Amino acid sequence: MLVDIDAIGASRGLPTWPFLRRSRLLRRRHILFLLFFAFMFATERIFAQPVPYEPEAFQERLDAAALALDSSPRFRDRSPQYRQKLAEFVSGNILFVLF
């Protein structure tokens, strides 16, 4: 007696070959998507530590950036106050974009 292999799963509307069927994991992909975001946002609050604000260190870095602009030919003829304000402006814009 010959059995038609292609007709075994066809009565239930499933693909006949097991490797053509969608896995259970893929059928529940919306749950995996939600779990991914839940873990992503939940772990941030668990492990996040407040960073102490150090204005002196920040000001030292701004001063170093203004001094570094002195070596650039584009800003060599500008005043030190201009270079300082430029460094503050650029760092302020970067912080605004990041946070």
N, C-alpha and C. Protein backbone atom coordinates (compact mmCIF):
# COMPACT_ATOMS: atom_id res chain seq x y z
N MET A 1 0.84 -1.17 0.00
CA MET A 1 0.00 0.00 0.00
C MET A 1 0.89 1.24 0.00
N LEU A 2 0.61 2.14 -0.90
CA LEU A 2 1.38 3.36 -1.02
C LEU A 2 0.65 4.50 -0.31
N VAL A 3 1.43 5.30 0.42
CA VAL A 3 0.87 6.44 1.14
C VAL A 3 1.39 7.72 0.50
N ASP A 4 0.47 8.60 0.22
CA ASP A 4 0.85 9.87 -0.35
C ASP A 4 1.38 10.78 0.77
N ILE A 5 2.68 10.99 0.79
CA ILE A 5 3.31 11.76 1.87
C ILE A 5 2.86 13.21 1.83
N ASP A 6 2.60 13.75 0.65
CA ASP A 6 2.19 15.14 0.55
C ASP A 6 0.79 15.38 1.10
N ALA A 7 -0.01 14.38 1.27
CA ALA A 7 -1.38 14.56 1.73
C ALA A 7 -1.52 14.34 3.24
N ILE A 8 -0.44 14.03 3.97
CA ILE A 8 -0.56 13.72 5.39
C ILE A 8 -1.00 14.95 6.19
N GLY A 9 -0.37 16.08 6.02
CA GLY A 9 -0.73 17.26 6.79
C GLY A 9 -1.71 18.16 6.09
N ALA A 10 -2.06 17.88 4.89
CA ALA A 10 -2.92 18.76 4.10
C ALA A 10 -4.34 18.82 4.64
N SER A 11 -4.78 17.80 5.34
CA SER A 11 -6.17 17.81 5.83
C SER A 11 -6.36 18.84 6.94
N ARG A 12 -5.29 19.21 7.66
CA ARG A 12 -5.41 20.20 8.72
C ARG A 12 -4.97 21.59 8.28
N GLY A 13 -4.63 21.76 7.04
CA GLY A 13 -4.22 23.06 6.53
C GLY A 13 -2.78 23.41 6.84
N LEU A 14 -1.98 22.44 7.26
CA LEU A 14 -0.59 22.68 7.58
C LEU A 14 0.30 22.31 6.40
N PRO A 15 1.45 22.91 6.30
CA PRO A 15 2.38 22.45 5.27
C PRO A 15 2.75 20.99 5.54
N THR A 16 2.98 20.28 4.49
CA THR A 16 3.18 18.84 4.64
C THR A 16 4.52 18.48 5.24
N TRP A 17 5.54 19.27 5.01
CA TRP A 17 6.85 18.93 5.54
C TRP A 17 7.12 19.73 6.81
N PRO A 18 7.63 19.09 7.85
CA PRO A 18 7.82 19.78 9.14
C PRO A 18 8.76 20.99 9.06
N PHE A 19 9.75 20.93 8.21
CA PHE A 19 10.67 22.06 8.14
C PHE A 19 10.06 23.27 7.44
N LEU A 20 8.91 23.09 6.79
CA LEU A 20 8.22 24.21 6.17
C LEU A 20 7.26 24.89 7.14
N ARG A 21 6.97 24.26 8.26
CA ARG A 21 6.05 24.84 9.24
C ARG A 21 6.76 25.94 10.02
N ARG A 22 6.00 26.92 10.45
CA ARG A 22 6.56 27.97 11.29
C ARG A 22 6.75 27.43 12.69
N SER A 23 7.83 27.78 13.31
CA SER A 23 8.08 27.29 14.66
C SER A 23 7.17 28.00 15.65
N ARG A 24 7.02 27.43 16.82
CA ARG A 24 6.19 28.05 17.85
C ARG A 24 6.78 29.38 18.29
N LEU A 25 8.09 29.47 18.27
CA LEU A 25 8.74 30.70 18.66
C LEU A 25 8.40 31.84 17.70
N LEU A 26 8.37 31.55 16.41
CA LEU A 26 8.03 32.58 15.44
C LEU A 26 6.56 32.94 15.48
N ARG A 27 5.72 32.01 15.87
CA ARG A 27 4.30 32.32 15.97
C ARG A 27 4.04 33.30 17.10
N ARG A 28 4.91 33.32 18.07
CA ARG A 28 4.75 34.22 19.22
C ARG A 28 5.79 35.34 19.19
N ARG A 29 6.11 35.82 18.02
CA ARG A 29 7.17 36.82 17.92
C ARG A 29 6.76 38.16 18.51
N HIS A 30 5.48 38.46 18.57
CA HIS A 30 5.06 39.71 19.19
C HIS A 30 5.37 39.71 20.68
N ILE A 31 5.30 38.55 21.31
CA ILE A 31 5.65 38.45 22.73
C ILE A 31 7.15 38.64 22.90
N LEU A 32 7.94 38.07 22.00
CA LEU A 32 9.38 38.26 22.08
C LEU A 32 9.76 39.72 21.89
N PHE A 33 9.06 40.41 21.02
CA PHE A 33 9.31 41.82 20.79
C PHE A 33 9.03 42.63 22.06
N LEU A 34 7.93 42.34 22.72
CA LEU A 34 7.61 43.04 23.96
C LEU A 34 8.59 42.70 25.08
N LEU A 35 8.99 41.43 25.16
CA LEU A 35 9.95 41.04 26.18
C LEU A 35 11.29 41.73 25.97
N PHE A 36 11.70 41.86 24.73
CA PHE A 36 12.96 42.54 24.43
C PHE A 36 12.94 43.96 24.97
N PHE A 37 11.88 44.70 24.69
CA PHE A 37 11.82 46.08 25.17
C PHE A 37 11.63 46.15 26.68
N ALA A 38 10.91 45.21 27.25
CA ALA A 38 10.75 45.20 28.70
C ALA A 38 12.09 45.00 29.39
N PHE A 39 12.89 44.07 28.91
CA PHE A 39 14.20 43.85 29.51
C PHE A 39 15.14 45.02 29.23
N MET A 40 15.02 45.60 28.07
CA MET A 40 15.91 46.71 27.73
C MET A 40 15.68 47.91 28.65
N PHE A 41 14.43 48.24 28.91
CA PHE A 41 14.15 49.40 29.75
C PHE A 41 14.17 49.08 31.23
N ALA A 42 13.89 47.86 31.61
CA ALA A 42 13.88 47.50 33.02
C ALA A 42 15.29 47.43 33.58
N THR A 43 16.23 46.90 32.83
CA THR A 43 17.59 46.75 33.35
C THR A 43 18.30 48.08 33.46
N GLU A 44 17.91 49.07 32.70
CA GLU A 44 18.56 50.36 32.78
C GLU A 44 18.31 50.98 34.16
N ARG A 45 17.14 50.86 34.66
CA ARG A 45 16.82 51.46 35.95
C ARG A 45 17.40 50.65 37.10
N ILE A 46 17.57 49.38 36.90
CA ILE A 46 18.13 48.56 37.97
C ILE A 46 19.61 48.85 38.14
N PHE A 47 20.34 48.92 37.04
CA PHE A 47 21.78 49.05 37.11
C PHE A 47 22.28 50.49 37.00
N ALA A 48 21.40 51.44 36.74
CA ALA A 48 21.84 52.82 36.57
C ALA A 48 22.27 53.41 37.90
N GLN A 49 23.38 54.09 37.88
CA GLN A 49 23.91 54.76 39.06
C GLN A 49 23.96 56.25 38.75
N PRO A 50 23.60 57.10 39.69
CA PRO A 50 23.71 58.53 39.43
C PRO A 50 25.18 58.95 39.35
N VAL A 51 25.47 59.77 38.37
CA VAL A 51 26.83 60.24 38.18
C VAL A 51 26.96 61.58 38.87
N PRO A 52 27.94 61.72 39.75
CA PRO A 52 28.08 63.01 40.43
C PRO A 52 28.53 64.10 39.45
N TYR A 53 27.95 65.25 39.60
CA TYR A 53 28.27 66.37 38.73
C TYR A 53 29.54 67.04 39.24
N GLU A 54 30.51 67.21 38.36
CA GLU A 54 31.78 67.82 38.72
C GLU A 54 32.01 69.04 37.81
N PRO A 55 31.58 70.21 38.24
CA PRO A 55 31.71 71.39 37.37
C PRO A 55 33.17 71.80 37.14
N GLU A 56 34.04 71.52 38.12
CA GLU A 56 35.45 71.91 37.95
C GLU A 56 36.10 71.10 36.83
N ALA A 57 35.83 69.81 36.80
CA ALA A 57 36.40 68.96 35.75
C ALA A 57 35.85 69.36 34.38
N PHE A 58 34.57 69.70 34.33
CA PHE A 58 33.97 70.12 33.06
C PHE A 58 34.60 71.43 32.58
N GLN A 59 34.80 72.36 33.51
CA GLN A 59 35.40 73.64 33.14
C GLN A 59 36.85 73.45 32.68
N GLU A 60 37.56 72.54 33.30
CA GLU A 60 38.94 72.26 32.87
C GLU A 60 38.97 71.70 31.45
N ARG A 61 38.02 70.86 31.14
CA ARG A 61 37.96 70.30 29.78
C ARG A 61 37.59 71.38 28.76
N LEU A 62 36.71 72.29 29.15
CA LEU A 62 36.38 73.40 28.24
C LEU A 62 37.59 74.29 28.00
N ASP A 63 38.34 74.56 29.06
CA ASP A 63 39.55 75.37 28.91
C ASP A 63 40.57 74.67 28.02
N ALA A 64 40.70 73.36 28.17
CA ALA A 64 41.63 72.60 27.33
C ALA A 64 41.19 72.62 25.87
N ALA A 65 39.88 72.56 25.64
CA ALA A 65 39.38 72.61 24.26
C ALA A 65 39.63 73.99 23.65
N ALA A 66 39.47 75.05 24.46
CA ALA A 66 39.73 76.40 23.95
C ALA A 66 41.22 76.58 23.64
N LEU A 67 42.08 76.00 24.46
CA LEU A 67 43.52 76.08 24.18
C LEU A 67 43.89 75.27 22.94
N ALA A 68 43.20 74.17 22.73
CA ALA A 68 43.48 73.35 21.54
C ALA A 68 43.07 74.09 20.27
N LEU A 69 42.08 74.95 20.37
CA LEU A 69 41.68 75.74 19.20
C LEU A 69 42.74 76.77 18.83
N ASP A 70 43.61 77.11 19.77
CA ASP A 70 44.68 78.07 19.49
C ASP A 70 45.66 77.54 18.45
N SER A 71 45.83 76.22 18.40
CA SER A 71 46.78 75.65 17.45
C SER A 71 46.19 75.53 16.04
N SER A 72 44.91 75.73 15.90
CA SER A 72 44.27 75.65 14.59
C SER A 72 44.47 76.97 13.84
N PRO A 73 44.89 76.91 12.58
CA PRO A 73 45.09 78.15 11.82
C PRO A 73 43.79 78.94 11.62
N ARG A 74 42.68 78.27 11.66
CA ARG A 74 41.40 78.93 11.46
C ARG A 74 41.04 79.85 12.63
N PHE A 75 41.46 79.48 13.85
CA PHE A 75 41.09 80.25 15.04
C PHE A 75 42.29 80.94 15.70
N ARG A 76 43.43 80.91 15.06
CA ARG A 76 44.64 81.48 15.66
C ARG A 76 44.52 82.99 15.84
N ASP A 77 43.87 83.67 14.93
CA ASP A 77 43.77 85.12 15.03
C ASP A 77 42.59 85.59 15.89
N ARG A 78 41.84 84.68 16.45
CA ARG A 78 40.70 85.04 17.32
C ARG A 78 41.16 85.24 18.76
N SER A 79 40.37 85.93 19.52
CA SER A 79 40.72 86.19 20.92
C SER A 79 40.48 84.94 21.77
N PRO A 80 41.14 84.85 22.92
CA PRO A 80 40.90 83.69 23.81
C PRO A 80 39.45 83.63 24.31
N GLN A 81 38.82 84.77 24.50
CA GLN A 81 37.42 84.77 24.94
C GLN A 81 36.51 84.17 23.85
N TYR A 82 36.81 84.50 22.59
CA TYR A 82 36.02 83.93 21.49
C TYR A 82 36.17 82.42 21.45
N ARG A 83 37.41 81.94 21.58
CA ARG A 83 37.64 80.49 21.56
C ARG A 83 36.96 79.81 22.75
N GLN A 84 36.97 80.47 23.91
CA GLN A 84 36.31 79.90 25.09
C GLN A 84 34.80 79.81 24.87
N LYS A 85 34.22 80.88 24.35
CA LYS A 85 32.76 80.88 24.09
C LYS A 85 32.40 79.85 23.01
N LEU A 86 33.26 79.69 22.02
CA LEU A 86 33.01 78.70 20.98
C LEU A 86 33.03 77.28 21.56
N ALA A 87 34.00 77.01 22.42
CA ALA A 87 34.07 75.69 23.05
C ALA A 87 32.84 75.43 23.93
N GLU A 88 32.39 76.45 24.66
CA GLU A 88 31.18 76.30 25.48
C GLU A 88 29.95 76.07 24.61
N PHE A 89 29.86 76.80 23.51
CA PHE A 89 28.71 76.66 22.62
C PHE A 89 28.65 75.26 22.01
N VAL A 90 29.78 74.78 21.51
CA VAL A 90 29.80 73.46 20.87
C VAL A 90 29.51 72.36 21.90
N SER A 91 30.12 72.44 23.06
CA SER A 91 29.87 71.41 24.08
C SER A 91 28.42 71.47 24.56
N GLY A 92 27.84 72.66 24.67
CA GLY A 92 26.44 72.78 25.06
C GLY A 92 25.51 72.16 24.03
N ASN A 93 25.82 72.37 22.76
CA ASN A 93 25.00 71.75 21.70
C ASN A 93 25.11 70.23 21.72
N ILE A 94 26.31 69.73 21.98
CA ILE A 94 26.50 68.27 22.03
C ILE A 94 25.71 67.69 23.21
N LEU A 95 25.78 68.35 24.36
CA LEU A 95 25.01 67.86 25.51
C LEU A 95 23.51 67.94 25.26
N PHE A 96 23.05 68.98 24.58
CA PHE A 96 21.63 69.09 24.26
C PHE A 96 21.18 67.95 23.37
N VAL A 97 21.97 67.61 22.38
CA VAL A 97 21.60 66.55 21.46
C VAL A 97 21.63 65.19 22.15
N LEU A 98 22.60 64.97 23.02
CA LEU A 98 22.72 63.67 23.69
C LEU A 98 21.65 63.45 24.74
N PHE A 99 21.23 64.51 25.41
CA PHE A 99 20.28 64.33 26.50
C PHE A 99 18.99 65.00 26.16
